[in-house]
Amino acid sequence: MDDNKKNKDRQRNFFVTVIIITLIMIVALTLSLTSLYYFTRQNRPSNTKLDTEYIVRTVSEKMGYDNLSKISGKDIYKYYEINENDIDDSCMYISTRNDNFTEITCFRLTSPEKEESLRKAIDCYTKEKISTIRKINDKSVDVSTYTGISVQYPYVFVVFAPDTSAAITSFESVITKKK
């Protein structure tokens, strides 16, 4: 009977050990996931609306765009003929190099009805920009592929770059993470 009691004690100790290890793993996993959530949220704005500067800066960093200069909010109106009531936030970065046409702009619409008016201003600016690039660029590059626009209400993203589709994908990933 002494062996039988030792076996029962071993089995009980084994089950207690398994339960304790399982509890430790659950606590560790919970703490790890909580920490991961906290640290990923810490790098993002806390409000529900993302700042357009945050969006443009993040896309620029993800794409590795160098030599970009920020255009102040009031000076964006010198580039785009926008009704001030159509947007409540905007940010624009342009290349500081003459041989590089990279430009990133993000607008935040005040309402869905304002999108058409903003689109017209973007189309007008885009045509002028493409015309200028064609005049300056002596290479046989299809500059029409340099232009990309993405609308993820309330944000409208405009990019001039050789890799517009990648920049738009980057923009959309920034917006998607917000939700």
N, C-alpha and C. Protein backbone atom coordinates (compact mmCIF):
# COMPACT_ATOMS: atom_id res chain seq x y z
N MET A 1 0.80 -1.19 0.00
CA MET A 1 0.00 0.00 0.00
C MET A 1 0.85 1.26 0.00
N ASP A 2 2.01 1.12 0.52
CA ASP A 2 2.91 2.25 0.57
C ASP A 2 3.26 2.72 -0.85
N ASP A 3 3.46 1.77 -1.79
CA ASP A 3 3.74 2.11 -3.20
C ASP A 3 2.52 2.76 -3.85
N ASN A 4 1.36 2.27 -3.52
CA ASN A 4 0.13 2.83 -4.07
C ASN A 4 -0.04 4.28 -3.62
N LYS A 5 0.25 4.55 -2.36
CA LYS A 5 0.15 5.91 -1.83
C LYS A 5 1.18 6.82 -2.50
N LYS A 6 2.39 6.33 -2.74
CA LYS A 6 3.43 7.12 -3.41
C LYS A 6 3.01 7.45 -4.84
N ASN A 7 2.41 6.48 -5.53
CA ASN A 7 1.95 6.72 -6.92
C ASN A 7 0.85 7.78 -6.95
N LYS A 8 -0.08 7.69 -5.98
CA LYS A 8 -1.16 8.69 -5.92
C LYS A 8 -0.58 10.08 -5.62
N ASP A 9 0.39 10.12 -4.72
CA ASP A 9 1.03 11.40 -4.40
C ASP A 9 1.77 11.97 -5.61
N ARG A 10 2.44 11.09 -6.36
CA ARG A 10 3.16 11.53 -7.57
C ARG A 10 2.17 12.06 -8.61
N GLN A 11 1.07 11.33 -8.80
CA GLN A 11 0.06 11.77 -9.77
C GLN A 11 -0.53 13.12 -9.36
N ARG A 12 -0.84 13.25 -8.08
CA ARG A 12 -1.40 14.50 -7.59
C ARG A 12 -0.39 15.64 -7.76
N ASN A 13 0.87 15.38 -7.42
CA ASN A 13 1.91 16.39 -7.59
C ASN A 13 2.09 16.76 -9.06
N PHE A 14 2.00 15.77 -9.93
CA PHE A 14 2.12 16.02 -11.37
C PHE A 14 0.99 16.93 -11.85
N PHE A 15 -0.24 16.64 -11.45
CA PHE A 15 -1.38 17.46 -11.87
C PHE A 15 -1.31 18.87 -11.30
N VAL A 16 -0.88 18.98 -10.04
CA VAL A 16 -0.71 20.31 -9.44
C VAL A 16 0.36 21.10 -10.20
N THR A 17 1.44 20.43 -10.55
CA THR A 17 2.51 21.08 -11.31
C THR A 17 2.00 21.55 -12.67
N VAL A 18 1.25 20.71 -13.36
CA VAL A 18 0.70 21.06 -14.67
C VAL A 18 -0.24 22.26 -14.54
N ILE A 19 -1.08 22.27 -13.53
CA ILE A 19 -2.01 23.39 -13.32
C ILE A 19 -1.24 24.67 -13.03
N ILE A 20 -0.22 24.60 -12.19
CA ILE A 20 0.57 25.80 -11.86
C ILE A 20 1.28 26.33 -13.10
N ILE A 21 1.89 25.44 -13.87
CA ILE A 21 2.59 25.87 -15.09
C ILE A 21 1.61 26.48 -16.08
N THR A 22 0.42 25.89 -16.21
CA THR A 22 -0.60 26.43 -17.11
C THR A 22 -1.02 27.83 -16.67
N LEU A 23 -1.24 28.01 -15.38
CA LEU A 23 -1.61 29.33 -14.86
C LEU A 23 -0.51 30.36 -15.11
N ILE A 24 0.73 29.96 -14.89
CA ILE A 24 1.86 30.87 -15.14
C ILE A 24 1.90 31.26 -16.61
N MET A 25 1.69 30.30 -17.50
CA MET A 25 1.70 30.59 -18.95
C MET A 25 0.56 31.53 -19.33
N ILE A 26 -0.62 31.33 -18.76
CA ILE A 26 -1.76 32.20 -19.05
C ILE A 26 -1.47 33.62 -18.57
N VAL A 27 -0.95 33.76 -17.37
CA VAL A 27 -0.61 35.09 -16.84
C VAL A 27 0.47 35.75 -17.70
N ALA A 28 1.49 35.00 -18.08
CA ALA A 28 2.58 35.55 -18.90
C ALA A 28 2.05 35.98 -20.26
N LEU A 29 1.21 35.17 -20.87
CA LEU A 29 0.63 35.51 -22.18
C LEU A 29 -0.24 36.76 -22.07
N THR A 30 -1.05 36.84 -21.03
CA THR A 30 -1.90 38.01 -20.83
C THR A 30 -1.06 39.27 -20.65
N LEU A 31 -0.02 39.19 -19.84
CA LEU A 31 0.85 40.34 -19.63
C LEU A 31 1.58 40.73 -20.92
N SER A 32 2.02 39.75 -21.69
CA SER A 32 2.71 40.02 -22.95
C SER A 32 1.79 40.72 -23.94
N LEU A 33 0.58 40.21 -24.09
CA LEU A 33 -0.37 40.82 -25.03
C LEU A 33 -0.77 42.21 -24.58
N THR A 34 -0.95 42.40 -23.28
CA THR A 34 -1.29 43.73 -22.77
C THR A 34 -0.15 44.71 -23.02
N SER A 35 1.07 44.28 -22.79
CA SER A 35 2.23 45.15 -23.04
C SER A 35 2.36 45.47 -24.52
N LEU A 36 2.18 44.48 -25.37
CA LEU A 36 2.26 44.70 -26.81
C LEU A 36 1.21 45.69 -27.27
N TYR A 37 -0.02 45.55 -26.79
CA TYR A 37 -1.10 46.47 -27.15
C TYR A 37 -0.76 47.88 -26.67
N TYR A 38 -0.29 48.00 -25.45
CA TYR A 38 0.05 49.30 -24.89
C TYR A 38 1.14 50.00 -25.70
N PHE A 39 2.21 49.28 -26.03
CA PHE A 39 3.33 49.89 -26.74
C PHE A 39 3.00 50.23 -28.17
N THR A 40 2.16 49.46 -28.84
CA THR A 40 1.79 49.80 -30.22
C THR A 40 0.85 50.99 -30.23
N ARG A 41 0.03 51.13 -29.22
CA ARG A 41 -0.89 52.27 -29.14
C ARG A 41 -0.17 53.55 -28.73
N GLN A 42 0.94 53.42 -28.03
CA GLN A 42 1.66 54.57 -27.51
C GLN A 42 2.22 55.43 -28.64
N ASN A 43 2.56 54.86 -29.79
CA ASN A 43 3.16 55.59 -30.90
C ASN A 43 2.12 56.25 -31.80
N ARG A 44 0.87 56.10 -31.49
CA ARG A 44 -0.20 56.64 -32.32
C ARG A 44 -0.93 57.75 -31.56
N PRO A 45 -1.50 58.68 -32.29
CA PRO A 45 -2.30 59.70 -31.62
C PRO A 45 -3.46 59.04 -30.87
N SER A 46 -3.83 59.61 -29.73
CA SER A 46 -4.86 58.99 -28.91
C SER A 46 -6.27 59.35 -29.36
N ASN A 47 -6.43 60.43 -30.12
CA ASN A 47 -7.78 60.80 -30.53
C ASN A 47 -8.25 59.91 -31.69
N THR A 48 -9.54 59.96 -31.95
CA THR A 48 -10.09 59.10 -33.00
C THR A 48 -9.74 59.60 -34.39
N LYS A 49 -9.52 60.90 -34.53
CA LYS A 49 -9.10 61.45 -35.82
C LYS A 49 -7.58 61.54 -35.84
N LEU A 50 -7.01 60.98 -36.88
CA LEU A 50 -5.56 61.08 -37.03
C LEU A 50 -5.19 62.46 -37.57
N ASP A 51 -4.09 62.95 -37.13
CA ASP A 51 -3.54 64.20 -37.60
C ASP A 51 -2.94 63.96 -38.99
N THR A 52 -3.20 64.84 -39.94
CA THR A 52 -2.67 64.63 -41.30
C THR A 52 -1.15 64.68 -41.31
N GLU A 53 -0.56 65.45 -40.43
CA GLU A 53 0.91 65.47 -40.36
C GLU A 53 1.43 64.10 -39.95
N TYR A 54 0.78 63.48 -38.99
CA TYR A 54 1.17 62.13 -38.56
C TYR A 54 1.09 61.16 -39.74
N ILE A 55 0.02 61.24 -40.52
CA ILE A 55 -0.16 60.35 -41.67
C ILE A 55 0.96 60.55 -42.68
N VAL A 56 1.20 61.80 -43.07
CA VAL A 56 2.21 62.10 -44.09
C VAL A 56 3.60 61.72 -43.59
N ARG A 57 3.90 62.05 -42.37
CA ARG A 57 5.22 61.72 -41.81
C ARG A 57 5.42 60.20 -41.75
N THR A 58 4.39 59.47 -41.35
CA THR A 58 4.50 58.00 -41.25
C THR A 58 4.69 57.38 -42.63
N VAL A 59 3.91 57.83 -43.62
CA VAL A 59 4.06 57.31 -44.98
C VAL A 59 5.45 57.63 -45.51
N SER A 60 5.90 58.85 -45.28
CA SER A 60 7.23 59.26 -45.73
C SER A 60 8.32 58.38 -45.13
N GLU A 61 8.20 58.09 -43.84
CA GLU A 61 9.19 57.24 -43.18
C GLU A 61 9.14 55.81 -43.72
N LYS A 62 7.92 55.28 -43.88
CA LYS A 62 7.77 53.91 -44.40
C LYS A 62 8.34 53.79 -45.81
N MET A 63 8.16 54.81 -46.61
CA MET A 63 8.60 54.77 -48.00
C MET A 63 10.08 55.13 -48.13
N GLY A 64 10.66 55.67 -47.09
CA GLY A 64 12.07 56.06 -47.14
C GLY A 64 12.31 57.30 -47.97
N TYR A 65 11.31 58.18 -48.04
CA TYR A 65 11.47 59.42 -48.79
C TYR A 65 12.37 60.37 -48.01
N ASP A 66 13.43 60.80 -48.66
CA ASP A 66 14.37 61.74 -48.04
C ASP A 66 14.24 63.10 -48.70
N ASN A 67 14.83 64.08 -48.08
CA ASN A 67 14.88 65.44 -48.65
C ASN A 67 13.49 66.01 -48.92
N LEU A 68 12.58 65.80 -47.98
CA LEU A 68 11.26 66.39 -48.11
C LEU A 68 11.14 67.54 -47.12
N SER A 69 10.46 68.57 -47.56
CA SER A 69 10.27 69.75 -46.73
C SER A 69 8.78 69.96 -46.50
N LYS A 70 8.42 70.27 -45.27
CA LYS A 70 7.01 70.48 -44.94
C LYS A 70 6.57 71.86 -45.41
N ILE A 71 5.41 71.88 -46.03
CA ILE A 71 4.77 73.14 -46.43
C ILE A 71 3.76 73.48 -45.34
N SER A 72 3.79 74.69 -44.85
CA SER A 72 2.87 75.06 -43.78
C SER A 72 1.43 75.02 -44.27
N GLY A 73 0.51 74.83 -43.34
CA GLY A 73 -0.91 74.70 -43.66
C GLY A 73 -1.47 75.84 -44.50
N LYS A 74 -1.08 77.05 -44.17
CA LYS A 74 -1.60 78.19 -44.92
C LYS A 74 -1.00 78.28 -46.32
N ASP A 75 0.20 77.72 -46.52
CA ASP A 75 0.84 77.78 -47.84
C ASP A 75 0.34 76.69 -48.79
N ILE A 76 -0.35 75.69 -48.27
CA ILE A 76 -0.91 74.64 -49.14
C ILE A 76 -1.91 75.27 -50.12
N TYR A 77 -2.56 76.33 -49.69
CA TYR A 77 -3.54 77.01 -50.54
C TYR A 77 -2.88 77.68 -51.75
N LYS A 78 -1.56 77.86 -51.70
CA LYS A 78 -0.84 78.38 -52.86
C LYS A 78 -0.68 77.31 -53.93
N TYR A 79 -0.73 76.05 -53.52
CA TYR A 79 -0.60 74.93 -54.45
C TYR A 79 -1.98 74.45 -54.92
N TYR A 80 -2.85 74.22 -53.98
CA TYR A 80 -4.20 73.72 -54.27
C TYR A 80 -5.21 74.83 -54.04
N GLU A 81 -6.08 75.04 -55.00
CA GLU A 81 -7.13 76.05 -54.85
C GLU A 81 -8.32 75.39 -54.15
N ILE A 82 -8.25 75.37 -52.83
CA ILE A 82 -9.22 74.66 -52.01
C ILE A 82 -10.07 75.67 -51.25
N ASN A 83 -11.33 75.34 -51.14
CA ASN A 83 -12.21 76.11 -50.28
C ASN A 83 -11.87 75.74 -48.83
N GLU A 84 -11.60 76.73 -48.01
CA GLU A 84 -11.18 76.47 -46.63
C GLU A 84 -12.21 75.70 -45.83
N ASN A 85 -13.47 75.77 -46.22
CA ASN A 85 -14.53 75.06 -45.50
C ASN A 85 -14.58 73.57 -45.86
N ASP A 86 -13.84 73.17 -46.89
CA ASP A 86 -13.87 71.77 -47.32
C ASP A 86 -13.01 70.86 -46.44
N ILE A 87 -11.97 71.43 -45.85
CA ILE A 87 -11.04 70.62 -45.04
C ILE A 87 -10.84 71.25 -43.67
N ASP A 88 -10.53 70.39 -42.69
CA ASP A 88 -10.23 70.92 -41.36
C ASP A 88 -8.79 70.65 -40.94
N ASP A 89 -8.05 69.92 -41.79
CA ASP A 89 -6.64 69.67 -41.50
C ASP A 89 -5.96 69.26 -42.81
N SER A 90 -4.71 69.65 -42.96
CA SER A 90 -3.96 69.26 -44.15
C SER A 90 -2.47 69.32 -43.86
N CYS A 91 -1.73 68.54 -44.62
CA CYS A 91 -0.28 68.53 -44.49
C CYS A 91 0.31 68.18 -45.85
N MET A 92 1.41 68.84 -46.19
CA MET A 92 2.05 68.63 -47.48
C MET A 92 3.56 68.63 -47.30
N TYR A 93 4.20 67.65 -47.91
CA TYR A 93 5.66 67.58 -47.94
C TYR A 93 6.07 67.53 -49.41
N ILE A 94 7.07 68.34 -49.78
CA ILE A 94 7.57 68.32 -51.14
C ILE A 94 9.09 68.11 -51.12
N SER A 95 9.59 67.60 -52.22
CA SER A 95 11.02 67.34 -52.33
C SER A 95 11.79 68.65 -52.39
N THR A 96 12.94 68.65 -51.76
CA THR A 96 13.80 69.83 -51.79
C THR A 96 14.78 69.77 -52.95
N ARG A 97 14.80 68.65 -53.65
CA ARG A 97 15.72 68.46 -54.78
C ARG A 97 15.02 68.78 -56.09
N ASN A 98 15.74 69.43 -57.01
CA ASN A 98 15.17 69.81 -58.30
C ASN A 98 14.93 68.61 -59.21
N ASP A 99 15.69 67.55 -59.03
CA ASP A 99 15.57 66.39 -59.91
C ASP A 99 14.61 65.33 -59.36
N ASN A 100 13.93 65.66 -58.28
CA ASN A 100 13.02 64.72 -57.65
C ASN A 100 11.65 65.39 -57.52
N PHE A 101 10.61 64.73 -57.99
CA PHE A 101 9.28 65.33 -58.00
C PHE A 101 8.39 64.78 -56.90
N THR A 102 8.96 64.10 -55.92
CA THR A 102 8.17 63.48 -54.86
C THR A 102 7.44 64.55 -54.05
N GLU A 103 6.17 64.26 -53.83
CA GLU A 103 5.31 65.18 -53.09
C GLU A 103 4.20 64.37 -52.44
N ILE A 104 3.95 64.62 -51.18
CA ILE A 104 2.90 63.90 -50.45
C ILE A 104 2.00 64.93 -49.77
N THR A 105 0.70 64.75 -49.95
CA THR A 105 -0.27 65.65 -49.32
C THR A 105 -1.41 64.83 -48.75
N CYS A 106 -1.90 65.24 -47.60
CA CYS A 106 -3.07 64.59 -47.01
C CYS A 106 -4.02 65.68 -46.53
N PHE A 107 -5.29 65.50 -46.86
CA PHE A 107 -6.35 66.41 -46.43
C PHE A 107 -7.34 65.63 -45.57
N ARG A 108 -7.93 66.31 -44.62
CA ARG A 108 -9.03 65.71 -43.86
C ARG A 108 -10.29 66.53 -44.15
N LEU A 109 -11.25 65.87 -44.77
CA LEU A 109 -12.49 66.52 -45.18
C LEU A 109 -13.37 66.86 -43.97
N THR A 110 -14.12 67.94 -44.11
CA THR A 110 -15.06 68.30 -43.05
C THR A 110 -16.35 67.50 -43.16
N SER A 111 -16.70 67.06 -44.38
CA SER A 111 -17.89 66.24 -44.58
C SER A 111 -17.77 65.51 -45.92
N PRO A 112 -18.51 64.42 -46.09
CA PRO A 112 -18.43 63.67 -47.35
C PRO A 112 -18.83 64.50 -48.57
N GLU A 113 -19.70 65.46 -48.38
CA GLU A 113 -20.17 66.30 -49.49
C GLU A 113 -19.05 67.17 -50.07
N LYS A 114 -18.02 67.40 -49.31
CA LYS A 114 -16.92 68.27 -49.73
C LYS A 114 -15.91 67.55 -50.62
N GLU A 115 -16.04 66.24 -50.75
CA GLU A 115 -15.06 65.47 -51.52
C GLU A 115 -15.00 65.90 -52.99
N GLU A 116 -16.15 66.13 -53.60
CA GLU A 116 -16.17 66.50 -55.03
C GLU A 116 -15.44 67.82 -55.27
N SER A 117 -15.67 68.79 -54.42
CA SER A 117 -15.00 70.08 -54.56
C SER A 117 -13.48 69.92 -54.40
N LEU A 118 -13.07 69.13 -53.41
CA LEU A 118 -11.64 68.89 -53.20
C LEU A 118 -11.04 68.13 -54.37
N ARG A 119 -11.77 67.16 -54.90
CA ARG A 119 -11.29 66.39 -56.06
C ARG A 119 -11.02 67.31 -57.26
N LYS A 120 -11.88 68.27 -57.48
CA LYS A 120 -11.69 69.21 -58.59
C LYS A 120 -10.40 70.00 -58.40
N ALA A 121 -10.16 70.46 -57.19
CA ALA A 121 -8.92 71.20 -56.90
C ALA A 121 -7.70 70.31 -57.08
N ILE A 122 -7.81 69.06 -56.65
CA ILE A 122 -6.69 68.11 -56.81
C ILE A 122 -6.44 67.83 -58.29
N ASP A 123 -7.50 67.61 -59.05
CA ASP A 123 -7.35 67.34 -60.49
C ASP A 123 -6.69 68.51 -61.21
N CYS A 124 -7.10 69.72 -60.86
CA CYS A 124 -6.51 70.92 -61.47
C CYS A 124 -5.02 71.00 -61.14
N TYR A 125 -4.68 70.81 -59.88
CA TYR A 125 -3.28 70.86 -59.47
C TYR A 125 -2.47 69.73 -60.11
N THR A 126 -3.06 68.55 -60.16
CA THR A 126 -2.38 67.38 -60.73
C THR A 126 -2.03 67.62 -62.20
N LYS A 127 -2.96 68.17 -62.96
CA LYS A 127 -2.70 68.45 -64.38
C LYS A 127 -1.54 69.44 -64.53
N GLU A 128 -1.55 70.48 -63.71
CA GLU A 128 -0.47 71.46 -63.77
C GLU A 128 0.87 70.84 -63.38
N LYS A 129 0.85 70.01 -62.36
CA LYS A 129 2.08 69.37 -61.88
C LYS A 129 2.64 68.42 -62.95
N ILE A 130 1.79 67.62 -63.56
CA ILE A 130 2.24 66.69 -64.61
C ILE A 130 2.80 67.46 -65.79
N SER A 131 2.15 68.55 -66.16
CA SER A 131 2.63 69.38 -67.27
C SER A 131 4.02 69.94 -66.95
N THR A 132 4.21 70.40 -65.73
CA THR A 132 5.50 70.93 -65.31
C THR A 132 6.57 69.85 -65.32
N ILE A 133 6.23 68.68 -64.82
CA ILE A 133 7.19 67.57 -64.78
C ILE A 133 7.60 67.19 -66.20
N ARG A 134 6.64 67.15 -67.11
CA ARG A 134 6.95 66.79 -68.50
C ARG A 134 7.88 67.82 -69.14
N LYS A 135 7.68 69.08 -68.82
CA LYS A 135 8.54 70.13 -69.39
C LYS A 135 9.96 70.03 -68.84
N ILE A 136 10.08 69.75 -67.58
CA ILE A 136 11.40 69.70 -66.94
C ILE A 136 12.12 68.40 -67.21
N ASN A 137 11.37 67.31 -67.21
CA ASN A 137 11.95 65.97 -67.31
C ASN A 137 12.34 65.67 -68.75
N ASP A 138 13.64 65.50 -69.00
CA ASP A 138 14.10 65.20 -70.35
C ASP A 138 14.13 63.70 -70.63
N LYS A 139 13.82 62.91 -69.64
CA LYS A 139 13.79 61.46 -69.82
C LYS A 139 12.43 61.05 -70.37
N SER A 140 12.38 59.89 -70.96
CA SER A 140 11.08 59.40 -71.47
C SER A 140 10.39 58.58 -70.39
N VAL A 141 9.94 59.27 -69.36
CA VAL A 141 9.27 58.63 -68.24
C VAL A 141 7.79 58.93 -68.32
N ASP A 142 6.98 57.93 -68.06
CA ASP A 142 5.54 58.12 -68.06
C ASP A 142 5.15 58.76 -66.73
N VAL A 143 5.08 60.10 -66.71
CA VAL A 143 4.83 60.82 -65.47
C VAL A 143 3.39 60.66 -64.99
N SER A 144 2.50 60.19 -65.84
CA SER A 144 1.13 60.00 -65.39
C SER A 144 1.06 58.92 -64.31
N THR A 145 2.03 58.01 -64.29
CA THR A 145 2.06 56.99 -63.24
C THR A 145 2.63 57.53 -61.94
N TYR A 146 3.15 58.76 -61.96
CA TYR A 146 3.70 59.39 -60.77
C TYR A 146 2.61 59.91 -59.84
N THR A 147 1.37 59.92 -60.29
CA THR A 147 0.29 60.52 -59.53
C THR A 147 -0.63 59.46 -58.94
N GLY A 148 -0.94 59.60 -57.68
CA GLY A 148 -1.86 58.68 -57.04
C GLY A 148 -2.74 59.40 -56.05
N ILE A 149 -4.01 58.99 -56.00
CA ILE A 149 -4.97 59.58 -55.07
C ILE A 149 -5.72 58.44 -54.40
N SER A 150 -5.88 58.55 -53.10
CA SER A 150 -6.66 57.56 -52.35
C SER A 150 -7.57 58.30 -51.38
N VAL A 151 -8.82 57.88 -51.35
CA VAL A 151 -9.78 58.47 -50.42
C VAL A 151 -10.20 57.40 -49.43
N GLN A 152 -9.93 57.67 -48.18
CA GLN A 152 -10.38 56.83 -47.06
C GLN A 152 -11.03 57.82 -46.10
N TYR A 153 -12.33 58.09 -46.34
CA TYR A 153 -13.00 59.15 -45.61
C TYR A 153 -12.67 59.09 -44.12
N PRO A 154 -12.33 60.22 -43.56
CA PRO A 154 -12.35 61.60 -44.05
C PRO A 154 -11.05 62.06 -44.72
N TYR A 155 -10.13 61.12 -45.00
CA TYR A 155 -8.82 61.49 -45.51
C TYR A 155 -8.74 61.34 -47.02
N VAL A 156 -8.08 62.33 -47.63
CA VAL A 156 -7.77 62.26 -49.06
C VAL A 156 -6.26 62.40 -49.16
N PHE A 157 -5.64 61.41 -49.77
CA PHE A 157 -4.19 61.32 -49.86
C PHE A 157 -3.77 61.51 -51.31
N VAL A 158 -2.82 62.40 -51.55
CA VAL A 158 -2.32 62.67 -52.90
C VAL A 158 -0.81 62.48 -52.87
N VAL A 159 -0.30 61.73 -53.86
CA VAL A 159 1.14 61.48 -53.90
C VAL A 159 1.65 61.63 -55.33
N PHE A 160 2.80 62.25 -55.46
CA PHE A 160 3.57 62.31 -56.71
C PHE A 160 4.89 61.62 -56.40
N ALA A 161 5.10 60.47 -56.99
CA ALA A 161 6.33 59.71 -56.75
C ALA A 161 6.40 58.58 -57.76
N PRO A 162 7.60 58.06 -58.00
CA PRO A 162 7.71 56.93 -58.94
C PRO A 162 7.03 55.66 -58.42
N ASP A 163 6.81 55.58 -57.11
CA ASP A 163 6.21 54.39 -56.51
C ASP A 163 4.88 54.73 -55.83
N THR A 164 3.97 55.33 -56.59
CA THR A 164 2.70 55.79 -56.02
C THR A 164 1.86 54.67 -55.43
N SER A 165 1.82 53.52 -56.08
CA SER A 165 0.97 52.46 -55.56
C SER A 165 1.47 51.98 -54.20
N ALA A 166 2.77 51.91 -54.02
CA ALA A 166 3.33 51.52 -52.72
C ALA A 166 3.03 52.59 -51.66
N ALA A 167 3.11 53.85 -52.05
CA ALA A 167 2.82 54.94 -51.11
C ALA A 167 1.35 54.91 -50.70
N ILE A 168 0.47 54.64 -51.66
CA ILE A 168 -0.96 54.56 -51.35
C ILE A 168 -1.24 53.37 -50.42
N THR A 169 -0.59 52.26 -50.69
CA THR A 169 -0.74 51.09 -49.81
C THR A 169 -0.28 51.43 -48.40
N SER A 170 0.82 52.15 -48.30
CA SER A 170 1.33 52.57 -47.00
C SER A 170 0.34 53.49 -46.30
N PHE A 171 -0.22 54.45 -47.04
CA PHE A 171 -1.24 55.35 -46.49
C PHE A 171 -2.43 54.55 -45.97
N GLU A 172 -2.91 53.63 -46.77
CA GLU A 172 -4.09 52.85 -46.38
C GLU A 172 -3.81 51.98 -45.16
N SER A 173 -2.57 51.51 -45.01
CA SER A 173 -2.24 50.72 -43.82
C SER A 173 -2.22 51.60 -42.57
N VAL A 174 -1.80 52.85 -42.71
CA VAL A 174 -1.81 53.77 -41.57
C VAL A 174 -3.26 54.04 -41.15
N ILE A 175 -4.13 54.26 -42.12
CA ILE A 175 -5.54 54.55 -41.83
C ILE A 175 -6.22 53.31 -41.25
N THR A 176 -5.93 52.15 -41.79
CA THR A 176 -6.56 50.91 -41.34
C THR A 176 -6.19 50.62 -39.90
N LYS A 177 -4.96 50.90 -39.49
CA LYS A 177 -4.52 50.66 -38.12
C LYS A 177 -5.29 51.52 -37.14
N LYS A 178 -5.77 52.66 -37.62
CA LYS A 178 -6.52 53.59 -36.78
C LYS A 178 -7.82 52.98 -36.30
N LYS A 179 -8.44 52.20 -37.16
CA LYS A 179 -9.79 51.68 -36.87
C LYS A 179 -9.79 50.58 -35.87
